[in-house]
């Protein structure tokens, strides 16, 4: 072999070794960026020519990017015609974004070139560009010198009567819409552990991806058929107010059920009373556990009258495998013996005025009334800390007078609250409250943010179709850090979530 040929051979071999060292045994992946049916969502596809490939996408309005997706894994074999696809969401409408993928596989990695994607205009329910009558007016502001907790705002909105507005949506902390579900009335909406959204829609329970594609749809008829097959004595006429996703893939939801009664005290004749059921549904759509309020509570305790007897609005899965059920029209939070699907359904305790706990100080006005969406802040043995949005309907004062019931009765007011309870001693104390000075008669949510601040949504604080969401400090005299105002729709719930992707926090 001539020297020149030998040198060429060495150079070619060296280049081959460099390629193999940097890229494994195949060439770098190829990528494709396309739009989706959702105007704010792009599809980033990485052609799979390596096995064990993982990828994530960073994106932003310039090449400093600033936001990223979760890491997605594709375990398929290399060389086939499939691609690992990543839905990129969290972008403002009619805005150009830069994005690029970071790809890894055993023995190699690759960073894609920069791509640009321009989002479209918001679309209404019928698929055309949304008009101003289909969109709420949203404004948000941060108080000077203060920093809100990071993340984005997940809103479960409720439209005003006789309107057709977008409802489930996500905004940034400046109030810009960066994601929404284009269907009709759907609340509440929650981010699932797998990165999809779960919501109640058109009478069904529905799981959708970030592009709005339906992944799973569970109908009322399916659930009732399963209830009947399992021998339960009740059926449900509607999915209602809340749904949980458990680590085992089960969905637990509230359903409305009814039962006829004759000549109840104060209600002569026959009446169909509406109560609540709790139903555990496995991934195949089969009911594996059910509970009915009619089997466990006194029908003659109806604080807000009949026929809407219990009106539950939230479910919480507890660390010990049981359930908390927020029952608005009883002004109670119940703990149910669920035991991860093996429990009796017995009511383990009732928290609230007239329940099983004594309240420190003995002032009944400090209890919650007509409450919404409790959340567990922490647990330590028998100690549980709960945040509760206290709407305040029919709040009882020290003299036993319910607010708003007469011209001389005290005025009703709403609060964000945090309670400490001892499940063993059956004692409760009010740890913290913010009394913003208005009465929001329905809806609302409250939770503790990553920086220790408290965020709460007041659904209807100003006797109009408008809502307010506030982040405040947890001090004895709370200071407002950030505030959002929504006009044209009611914010049934407002939640600060870290991002649209599990395990990822967006700082800006």
Protein backbone atom coordinates (compact mmCIF):
# COMPACT_ATOMS: atom_id res chain seq x y z
CA UNK A 1 0.00 0.00 0.00
CA UNK A 2 1.35 3.45 -0.94
CA UNK A 3 1.99 5.99 1.82
CA UNK A 4 -0.72 8.33 0.51
CA UNK A 5 -3.23 5.49 0.47
CA UNK A 6 -2.22 4.44 3.97
CA UNK A 7 -2.62 7.99 5.27
CA UNK A 8 -6.05 8.25 3.64
CA UNK A 9 -7.00 4.97 5.26
CA UNK A 10 -5.91 6.23 8.68
CA UNK A 11 -7.86 9.49 8.27
CA UNK A 12 -10.99 7.62 7.20
CA UNK A 13 -10.66 5.21 10.11
CA UNK A 14 -10.19 8.10 12.56
CA UNK A 15 -13.27 9.86 11.22
CA UNK A 16 -15.24 6.66 11.52
CA UNK A 17 -14.13 6.26 15.14
CA UNK A 18 -15.17 9.84 15.90
CA UNK A 19 -18.58 9.25 14.40
CA UNK A 20 -19.00 6.03 16.33
CA UNK A 21 -17.83 7.66 19.56
CA UNK A 22 -20.25 10.54 19.20
CA UNK A 23 -23.25 8.77 17.75
CA UNK A 24 -23.14 5.12 18.68
CA UNK A 25 -23.38 2.72 15.76
CA UNK A 26 -25.70 4.81 13.59
CA UNK A 27 -25.96 8.32 12.20
CA UNK A 28 -27.46 11.16 14.26
CA UNK A 29 -31.26 11.27 14.44
CA UNK A 30 -33.33 13.36 12.09
CA UNK A 31 -36.04 15.69 13.33
CA UNK A 32 -39.31 17.09 12.00
CA UNK A 33 -41.30 20.01 13.41
CA UNK A 34 -44.95 20.33 12.47
CA UNK A 35 -48.10 21.94 13.74
CA UNK A 36 -51.09 20.19 15.27
CA UNK A 37 -54.80 20.87 15.24
CA UNK A 38 -54.20 22.94 18.38
CA UNK A 39 -52.95 26.41 17.40
CA UNK A 40 -50.67 26.68 20.46
CA UNK A 41 -49.11 23.21 20.27
CA UNK A 42 -46.28 21.96 18.04
CA UNK A 43 -45.25 18.38 17.36
CA UNK A 44 -41.51 17.76 17.49
CA UNK A 45 -40.61 14.35 16.02
CA UNK A 46 -37.22 12.70 16.38
CA UNK A 47 -36.73 9.89 13.87
CA UNK A 48 -35.74 6.82 15.76
CA UNK A 49 -32.54 5.22 14.45
CA UNK A 50 -31.22 4.23 17.87
CA UNK A 51 -32.70 1.96 20.52
CA UNK A 52 -33.26 3.27 24.05
CA UNK A 53 -33.61 6.84 22.80
CA UNK A 54 -34.69 9.67 25.13
CA UNK A 55 -35.37 13.28 24.18
CA UNK A 56 -36.59 16.60 25.50
CA UNK A 57 -37.25 19.94 23.86
CA UNK A 58 -36.30 23.42 25.04
CA UNK A 59 -38.22 26.38 23.64
CA UNK A 60 -38.70 30.11 24.01
CA UNK A 61 -39.15 33.35 22.08
CA UNK A 62 -35.39 33.56 21.40
CA UNK A 63 -32.43 31.20 21.36
CA UNK A 64 -31.94 31.47 25.11
CA UNK A 65 -35.10 29.30 25.18
CA UNK A 66 -36.02 29.23 28.91
CA UNK A 67 -38.68 26.51 28.98
CA UNK A 68 -38.48 22.79 28.44
CA UNK A 69 -40.62 19.69 28.20
CA UNK A 70 -40.30 16.53 30.22
CA UNK A 71 -37.87 13.86 29.08
CA UNK A 72 -39.64 11.38 26.81
CA UNK A 73 -38.44 7.81 26.34
CA UNK A 74 -38.83 5.50 23.36
CA UNK A 75 -37.90 1.90 24.01
CA UNK A 76 -38.59 0.64 20.51
CA UNK A 77 -35.94 -0.93 18.30
CA UNK A 78 -33.92 1.26 15.98
CA UNK A 79 -34.35 1.15 12.25
CA UNK A 80 -38.13 1.00 11.94
CA UNK A 81 -40.31 3.76 10.53
CA UNK A 82 -41.52 5.24 13.79
CA UNK A 83 -40.45 8.45 15.51
CA UNK A 84 -40.44 9.65 19.08
CA UNK A 85 -42.89 12.55 19.11
CA UNK A 86 -43.04 15.31 21.70
CA UNK A 87 -45.94 17.76 21.97
CA UNK A 88 -44.53 21.20 22.75
CA UNK A 89 -47.05 23.37 24.62
CA UNK A 90 -46.95 26.50 26.74
CA UNK A 91 -46.73 29.16 24.03
CA UNK A 92 -48.63 32.40 23.53
CA UNK A 93 -50.83 32.78 20.44
CA UNK A 94 -49.53 34.31 17.19
CA UNK A 95 -45.95 34.31 18.42
CA UNK A 96 -42.76 32.87 16.90
CA UNK A 97 -40.84 30.47 19.11
CA UNK A 98 -37.41 28.88 18.85
CA UNK A 99 -36.98 25.26 19.88
CA UNK A 100 -34.51 22.41 19.68
CA UNK A 101 -34.36 18.82 20.84
CA UNK A 102 -31.78 17.21 23.12
CA UNK A 103 -31.47 13.50 22.34
CA UNK A 104 -29.63 10.75 24.21
CA UNK A 105 -29.19 7.03 23.70
CA UNK A 106 -26.81 4.44 25.13
CA UNK A 107 -23.38 5.53 23.97
CA UNK A 108 -24.34 8.80 22.32
CA UNK A 109 -26.09 12.16 22.41
CA UNK A 110 -27.15 14.86 19.98
CA UNK A 111 -28.48 18.42 20.11
CA UNK A 112 -30.62 19.43 17.16
CA UNK A 113 -30.31 22.66 15.22
CA UNK A 114 -32.60 25.52 16.18
CA UNK A 115 -36.08 25.44 14.63
CA UNK A 116 -38.79 28.10 14.63
CA UNK A 117 -42.52 27.63 15.04
CA UNK A 118 -45.23 30.31 14.89
CA UNK A 119 -48.38 29.68 16.88
CA UNK A 120 -51.80 30.47 15.49
CA UNK A 121 -54.69 32.51 16.87
CA UNK A 122 -56.92 31.15 19.60
CA UNK A 123 -59.84 29.14 18.26
CA UNK A 124 -63.36 29.03 19.64
CA UNK A 125 -65.51 25.97 20.21
CA UNK A 126 -66.51 25.75 16.55
CA UNK A 127 -62.92 25.80 15.30
CA UNK A 128 -62.87 29.34 13.91
CA UNK A 129 -60.71 32.12 15.32
CA UNK A 130 -62.07 33.03 18.73
CA UNK A 131 -63.99 36.26 18.97
CA UNK A 132 -63.79 38.58 21.95
CA UNK A 133 -67.15 37.21 23.11
CA UNK A 134 -65.57 33.75 23.45
CA UNK A 135 -62.65 34.84 25.62
CA UNK A 136 -62.52 36.11 29.20
CA UNK A 137 -60.60 39.27 29.97
CA UNK A 138 -57.63 38.26 32.11
CA UNK A 139 -55.16 40.59 33.81
CA UNK A 140 -52.39 39.75 36.26
CA UNK A 141 -49.88 41.79 38.20
CA UNK A 142 -47.04 41.26 40.67
CA UNK A 143 -46.60 43.67 43.54
CA UNK A 144 -43.41 45.78 43.26
CA UNK A 145 -40.39 44.19 44.92
CA UNK A 146 -42.06 40.80 45.39
CA UNK A 147 -41.62 37.53 43.52
CA UNK A 148 -44.46 35.05 43.00
CA UNK A 149 -43.93 31.30 43.10
CA UNK A 150 -42.82 29.92 39.72
CA UNK A 151 -45.10 28.08 37.34
CA UNK A 152 -48.25 28.75 35.37
CA UNK A 153 -51.91 29.10 36.26
CA UNK A 154 -54.33 26.25 35.54
CA UNK A 155 -57.87 27.64 35.42
CA UNK A 156 -61.15 25.77 35.61
CA UNK A 157 -63.48 28.50 34.39
CA UNK A 158 -67.27 28.51 34.25
CA UNK A 159 -69.02 30.55 31.61
CA UNK A 160 -71.87 32.93 32.21
CA UNK A 161 -75.34 31.73 31.17
CA UNK A 162 -76.15 31.87 27.45
CA UNK A 163 -72.54 32.32 26.39
CA UNK A 164 -70.09 30.05 24.60
CA UNK A 165 -66.68 30.79 26.04
CA UNK A 166 -63.48 28.82 26.42
CA UNK A 167 -63.25 27.35 29.91
CA UNK A 168 -60.31 25.08 30.79
CA UNK A 169 -57.09 26.98 30.17
CA UNK A 170 -53.57 27.72 31.35
CA UNK A 171 -52.03 31.19 31.52
CA UNK A 172 -48.59 32.48 32.33
CA UNK A 173 -48.18 34.73 35.34
CA UNK A 174 -48.73 37.78 33.14
CA UNK A 175 -52.22 36.56 32.28
CA UNK A 176 -51.50 35.39 28.71
CA UNK A 177 -53.31 32.25 27.57
CA UNK A 178 -50.67 29.61 26.73
CA UNK A 179 -52.91 26.52 26.50
CA UNK A 180 -56.61 25.71 26.50
CA UNK A 181 -59.01 22.88 25.77
CA UNK A 182 -61.26 23.96 22.92
CA UNK A 183 -64.36 21.97 23.84
CA UNK A 184 -67.41 23.18 25.71
CA UNK A 185 -68.14 23.20 29.41
CA UNK A 186 -65.45 21.19 31.16
CA UNK A 187 -64.53 21.50 34.80
CA UNK A 188 -62.59 20.83 36.74
CA UNK A 189 -59.46 20.12 34.73
CA UNK A 190 -56.32 18.57 36.20
CA UNK A 191 -52.82 17.72 35.01
CA UNK A 192 -52.32 13.95 35.20
CA UNK A 193 -49.08 12.22 36.26
CA UNK A 194 -48.55 11.09 32.65
CA UNK A 195 -48.68 14.67 31.31
CA UNK A 196 -52.21 14.45 29.93
CA UNK A 197 -55.22 16.38 31.21
CA UNK A 198 -58.31 14.88 32.80
CA UNK A 199 -61.66 16.64 32.81
CA UNK A 200 -65.40 16.18 32.84
CA UNK A 201 -66.77 16.93 29.38
CA UNK A 202 -70.14 16.44 27.67
CA UNK A 203 -71.23 14.16 30.50
CA UNK A 204 -68.15 11.94 30.20
CA UNK A 205 -64.82 11.63 31.98
CA UNK A 206 -62.14 12.36 29.43
CA UNK A 207 -58.36 12.12 29.23
CA UNK A 208 -56.79 14.33 26.56
CA UNK A 209 -53.23 15.04 25.46
CA UNK A 210 -51.81 18.54 25.10
CA UNK A 211 -52.97 18.75 21.49
CA UNK A 212 -56.54 18.11 22.66
CA UNK A 213 -56.72 14.56 21.29
CA UNK A 214 -58.93 12.24 23.31
CA UNK A 215 -56.89 9.40 24.82
CA UNK A 216 -59.64 7.82 26.88
CA UNK A 217 -63.34 8.56 27.21
CA UNK A 218 -65.49 7.03 29.92
CA UNK A 219 -69.25 7.40 29.58
CA UNK A 220 -71.97 7.50 32.18
CA UNK A 221 -73.58 4.46 30.58
CA UNK A 222 -70.39 2.41 30.98
CA UNK A 223 -70.15 3.23 34.67
CA UNK A 224 -73.81 2.53 35.36
CA UNK A 225 -73.60 -0.76 33.52
CA UNK A 226 -70.65 -1.76 35.69
CA UNK A 227 -72.41 -0.61 38.88
CA UNK A 228 -75.38 -2.80 37.98
CA UNK A 229 -73.17 -5.78 37.11
CA UNK A 230 -71.37 -5.49 40.46
CA UNK A 231 -74.67 -5.42 42.37
CA UNK A 232 -74.60 -1.85 43.65
CA UNK A 233 -77.98 -0.47 44.68
CA UNK A 234 -77.48 2.92 43.04
CA UNK A 235 -76.77 4.44 39.67
CA UNK A 236 -75.58 7.93 38.84
CA UNK A 237 -77.17 10.55 36.65
CA UNK A 238 -74.12 12.76 36.24
CA UNK A 239 -70.40 12.92 36.91
CA UNK A 240 -69.97 15.80 39.33
CA UNK A 241 -67.32 18.29 40.43
CA UNK A 242 -64.14 16.23 40.77
CA UNK A 243 -62.06 13.27 39.63
CA UNK A 244 -58.80 11.81 40.97
CA UNK A 245 -56.13 9.85 39.15
CA UNK A 246 -54.33 7.31 41.33
CA UNK A 247 -50.84 5.84 40.82
CA UNK A 248 -52.40 2.48 39.86
CA UNK A 249 -54.21 4.14 36.94
CA UNK A 250 -57.65 4.13 38.56
CA UNK A 251 -59.97 7.12 38.35
CA UNK A 252 -62.10 8.05 41.37
CA UNK A 253 -64.96 10.42 40.76
CA UNK A 254 -68.06 11.92 42.36
CA UNK A 255 -71.42 11.09 40.82
CA UNK A 256 -74.91 12.38 41.51
CA UNK A 257 -77.40 9.76 42.65
CA UNK A 258 -80.98 10.11 43.88
CA UNK A 259 -83.53 8.42 46.07
CA UNK A 260 -87.24 9.02 46.66
CA UNK A 261 -88.54 9.91 50.12
CA UNK A 262 -92.08 10.45 51.33
CA UNK A 263 -93.19 12.95 53.99
CA UNK A 264 -89.79 13.97 55.28
CA UNK A 265 -90.09 16.53 58.11
CA UNK A 266 -90.87 19.85 56.45
CA UNK A 267 -91.28 18.24 53.01
CA UNK A 268 -94.73 16.66 52.61
CA UNK A 269 -95.37 14.32 49.72
CA UNK A 270 -92.84 12.40 47.67
CA UNK A 271 -89.52 14.01 46.79
CA UNK A 272 -86.54 12.81 44.79
CA UNK A 273 -83.51 13.76 46.89
CA UNK A 274 -80.11 14.21 45.23
CA UNK A 275 -77.05 12.90 47.03
CA UNK A 276 -73.50 11.95 46.14
CA UNK A 277 -71.77 8.74 45.23
CA UNK A 278 -68.03 8.05 45.06
CA UNK A 279 -66.87 5.56 42.44
CA UNK A 280 -63.48 3.91 41.81
CA UNK A 281 -63.02 2.89 38.16
CA UNK A 282 -60.14 0.76 36.86
CA UNK A 283 -58.36 1.41 33.52
CA UNK A 284 -60.74 -1.00 31.76
CA UNK A 285 -63.78 1.02 32.82
CA UNK A 286 -64.91 -1.38 35.53
CA UNK A 287 -66.20 -0.13 38.88
CA UNK A 288 -64.13 -1.71 41.65
CA UNK A 289 -65.44 0.25 44.65
CA UNK A 290 -68.51 2.37 45.28
CA UNK A 291 -70.02 4.50 48.03
CA UNK A 292 -73.35 6.29 48.45
CA UNK A 293 -74.15 9.05 50.91
CA UNK A 294 -77.64 7.54 51.35
CA UNK A 295 -76.07 4.53 53.06
CA UNK A 296 -74.06 6.51 55.61
CA UNK A 297 -75.62 9.91 56.48
CA UNK A 298 -78.82 11.24 58.06
CA UNK A 299 -81.22 12.47 55.38
CA UNK A 300 -82.76 14.90 57.89
CA UNK A 301 -79.56 16.91 58.20
CA UNK A 302 -79.85 19.27 55.24
CA UNK A 303 -78.29 22.64 56.05
CA UNK A 304 -79.12 24.18 52.68
CA UNK A 305 -82.43 22.44 52.16
CA UNK A 306 -83.66 19.74 49.81
CA UNK A 307 -83.60 18.24 47.24
CA UNK A 308 -79.86 19.10 46.80
CA UNK A 309 -78.87 17.29 49.98
CA UNK A 310 -75.09 16.87 50.11
CA UNK A 311 -73.50 18.62 47.09
CA UNK A 312 -69.97 17.27 47.37
CA UNK A 313 -67.32 19.16 45.41
CA UNK A 314 -63.87 17.64 46.01
CA UNK A 315 -62.04 14.36 46.62
CA UNK A 316 -58.60 13.93 48.19
CA UNK A 317 -56.59 10.73 48.42
CA UNK A 318 -54.92 10.51 51.83
CA UNK A 319 -51.44 9.11 52.58
CA UNK A 320 -53.02 6.24 54.56
CA UNK A 321 -55.01 5.09 51.50
CA UNK A 322 -58.38 6.60 52.39
CA UNK A 323 -60.45 9.44 50.93
CA UNK A 324 -61.52 12.90 52.05
CA UNK A 325 -64.82 14.10 50.61
CA UNK A 326 -65.74 17.77 50.79
CA UNK A 327 -69.50 17.94 51.29
CA UNK A 328 -70.55 21.56 50.79
CA UNK A 329 -74.21 21.31 51.78
CA UNK A 330 -73.28 19.59 55.04
CA UNK A 331 -70.38 22.01 55.74
CA UNK A 332 -68.35 18.91 56.50
CA UNK A 333 -65.24 17.21 55.23
CA UNK A 334 -65.68 13.46 55.61
CA UNK A 335 -62.96 10.85 55.85
CA UNK A 336 -64.10 7.63 54.18
CA UNK A 337 -62.75 4.15 54.85
CA UNK A 338 -61.51 3.48 51.30
CA UNK A 339 -58.37 1.46 52.20
CA UNK A 340 -57.11 1.48 48.61
CA UNK A 341 -60.32 -0.07 47.34
CA UNK A 342 -60.82 -2.64 50.09
CA UNK A 343 -62.51 -0.43 52.70
CA UNK A 344 -66.00 -0.59 54.15
CA UNK A 345 -66.96 2.93 53.12
CA UNK A 346 -67.73 3.84 56.73
CA UNK A 347 -67.39 7.48 57.67
CA UNK A 348 -64.27 7.55 59.85
CA UNK A 349 -64.84 11.15 60.90
CA UNK A 350 -66.68 14.38 60.06
CA UNK A 351 -64.76 17.64 60.23
CA UNK A 352 -66.74 20.85 60.70
CA UNK A 353 -69.46 22.37 62.86
CA UNK A 354 -71.58 19.61 64.41
CA UNK A 355 -69.05 16.94 63.46
CA UNK A 356 -66.59 14.84 65.43
CA UNK A 357 -63.90 17.44 66.22
CA UNK A 358 -63.74 20.09 68.90
CA UNK A 359 -62.46 23.46 67.70
CA UNK A 360 -59.89 25.36 69.72
CA UNK A 361 -61.47 28.48 71.20
CA UNK A 362 -64.99 27.14 70.76
CA UNK A 363 -66.09 29.93 68.38
CA UNK A 364 -68.26 28.24 65.70
CA UNK A 365 -67.71 31.12 63.27
CA UNK A 366 -64.11 29.92 62.85
CA UNK A 367 -65.27 26.68 61.20
CA UNK A 368 -65.63 26.54 57.40
CA UNK A 369 -69.10 26.68 55.86
CA UNK A 370 -70.17 25.76 52.33
CA UNK A 371 -66.49 25.04 51.68
CA UNK A 372 -64.63 24.13 48.50
CA UNK A 373 -61.61 22.03 47.66
CA UNK A 374 -59.66 21.17 50.77
CA UNK A 375 -56.06 20.10 50.17
CA UNK A 376 -53.72 18.20 52.44
CA UNK A 377 -50.73 20.40 53.21
CA UNK A 378 -48.90 17.82 55.34
CA UNK A 379 -49.38 14.83 57.62
CA UNK A 380 -47.34 13.65 60.59
CA UNK A 381 -48.77 10.68 62.42
CA UNK A 382 -52.25 11.65 63.56
CA UNK A 383 -51.61 15.31 62.72
CA UNK A 384 -53.01 16.62 59.44
CA UNK A 385 -52.77 20.16 58.07
CA UNK A 386 -55.54 21.13 55.65
CA UNK A 387 -56.06 24.20 53.51
CA UNK A 388 -59.76 24.92 52.87
CA UNK A 389 -61.56 27.61 50.89
CA UNK A 390 -64.27 28.76 53.30
CA UNK A 391 -67.12 30.24 51.24
CA UNK A 392 -68.98 31.07 54.45
CA UNK A 393 -72.56 30.19 53.47
CA UNK A 394 -74.78 30.15 56.58
CA UNK A 395 -71.82 30.74 58.89
CA UNK A 396 -72.91 30.38 62.52
CA UNK A 397 -71.80 33.00 65.04
CA UNK A 398 -71.31 32.61 68.81
CA UNK A 399 -75.03 33.18 69.33
CA UNK A 400 -76.00 30.38 66.96
CA UNK A 401 -77.25 32.79 64.27
CA UNK A 402 -76.53 31.89 60.64
CA UNK A 403 -75.25 34.71 58.47
CA UNK A 404 -77.46 36.26 55.83
CA UNK A 405 -80.69 34.73 57.15
CA UNK A 406 -82.34 37.98 58.26
CA UNK A 407 -81.84 41.72 58.30
CA UNK A 408 -80.33 41.47 61.78
CA UNK A 409 -78.16 38.41 61.11
CA UNK A 410 -74.43 38.95 60.61
CA UNK A 411 -73.19 39.38 57.05
CA UNK A 412 -71.57 36.40 55.35
CA UNK A 413 -67.90 36.53 54.35
CA UNK A 414 -65.37 34.21 52.71
CA UNK A 415 -61.83 33.22 53.74
CA UNK A 416 -58.77 31.27 52.78
CA UNK A 417 -57.95 29.04 55.76
CA UNK A 418 -55.44 26.49 57.05
CA UNK A 419 -56.51 24.10 59.80
CA UNK A 420 -54.48 21.74 61.98
CA UNK A 421 -56.34 18.61 63.06
CA UNK A 422 -55.47 15.68 65.27
CA UNK A 423 -57.27 12.60 64.00
CA UNK A 424 -56.71 10.66 67.23
CA UNK A 425 -57.65 13.36 69.74
CA UNK A 426 -60.39 14.73 67.41
CA UNK A 427 -59.26 18.30 67.94
CA UNK A 428 -58.94 21.08 65.38
CA UNK A 429 -57.45 24.55 65.40
CA UNK A 430 -57.34 27.39 62.91
CA UNK A 431 -53.67 28.01 62.08
CA UNK A 432 -54.04 30.79 59.52
CA UNK A 433 -56.62 32.77 57.63
CA UNK A 434 -56.93 35.56 55.11
CA UNK A 435 -60.23 37.43 55.21
CA UNK A 436 -60.18 39.58 52.04
CA UNK A 437 -63.40 41.40 52.91
CA UNK A 438 -65.97 39.97 50.49
CA UNK A 439 -68.47 37.13 50.23
CA UNK A 440 -67.93 34.66 47.39
CA UNK A 441 -71.02 32.45 47.66
CA UNK A 442 -69.78 29.47 45.64
CA UNK A 443 -66.69 27.88 44.14
CA UNK A 444 -63.11 28.61 45.10
CA UNK A 445 -59.84 26.85 45.83
CA UNK A 446 -56.79 27.30 48.03
CA UNK A 447 -53.34 25.74 48.19
CA UNK A 448 -49.78 26.22 49.43
CA UNK A 449 -47.23 27.19 46.78
CA UNK A 450 -43.62 26.06 46.41
CA UNK A 451 -42.29 29.25 48.04
CA UNK A 452 -44.60 28.90 51.06
CA UNK A 453 -47.10 31.52 49.90
CA UNK A 454 -50.82 30.74 49.81
CA UNK A 455 -52.85 31.01 46.61
CA UNK A 456 -56.62 31.13 46.62
CA UNK A 457 -59.28 31.62 43.97
CA UNK A 458 -62.54 33.39 44.78
CA UNK A 459 -65.15 32.46 42.21
CA UNK A 460 -67.64 35.31 42.55
CA UNK A 461 -66.42 37.90 45.04
CA UNK A 462 -68.00 40.99 43.50
CA UNK A 463 -71.59 39.98 42.60
CA UNK A 464 -70.66 39.92 38.92
CA UNK A 465 -69.31 37.53 36.32
CA UNK A 466 -65.75 37.99 37.50
CA UNK A 467 -63.23 36.26 39.74
CA UNK A 468 -60.05 36.99 41.62
CA UNK A 469 -57.03 34.78 42.27
CA UNK A 470 -54.49 35.94 44.83
CA UNK A 471 -51.08 34.80 46.02
CA UNK A 472 -50.42 36.10 49.53
CA UNK A 473 -47.77 35.67 52.16
CA UNK A 474 -48.56 33.26 55.03
CA UNK A 475 -48.08 36.02 57.65
CA UNK A 476 -50.59 36.88 60.34
CA UNK A 477 -51.40 39.93 58.25
CA UNK A 478 -51.10 38.54 54.71
CA UNK A 479 -49.47 40.65 52.01
CA UNK A 480 -50.59 40.27 48.41
CA UNK A 481 -47.73 39.12 46.18
CA UNK A 482 -49.55 38.48 42.89
CA UNK A 483 -53.11 38.85 41.71
CA UNK A 484 -55.16 37.78 38.70
CA UNK A 485 -58.56 39.15 37.76
CA UNK A 486 -60.88 37.32 35.37
CA UNK A 487 -63.87 39.11 33.83
CA UNK A 488 -66.56 37.41 31.78
CA UNK A 489 -66.22 34.00 33.43
CA UNK A 490 -66.09 32.53 36.91
CA UNK A 491 -62.90 30.84 38.11
CA UNK A 492 -64.30 27.74 39.80
CA UNK A 493 -60.70 26.79 40.61
CA UNK A 494 -57.30 28.36 40.05
CA UNK A 495 -54.09 26.41 40.64
CA UNK A 496 -50.43 27.29 40.27
CA UNK A 497 -48.82 24.26 38.62
CA UNK A 498 -45.05 24.03 37.99
CA UNK A 499 -45.50 23.69 34.21
CA UNK A 500 -47.45 21.71 31.63
CA UNK A 501 -45.01 18.83 32.06
CA UNK A 502 -44.66 16.54 35.11
CA UNK A 503 -41.36 16.97 36.92
CA UNK A 504 -40.53 20.28 35.21
CA UNK A 505 -40.77 23.76 36.74
CA UNK A 506 -40.86 26.86 34.55
CA UNK A 507 -39.21 29.77 36.28
CA UNK A 508 -40.55 32.37 33.87
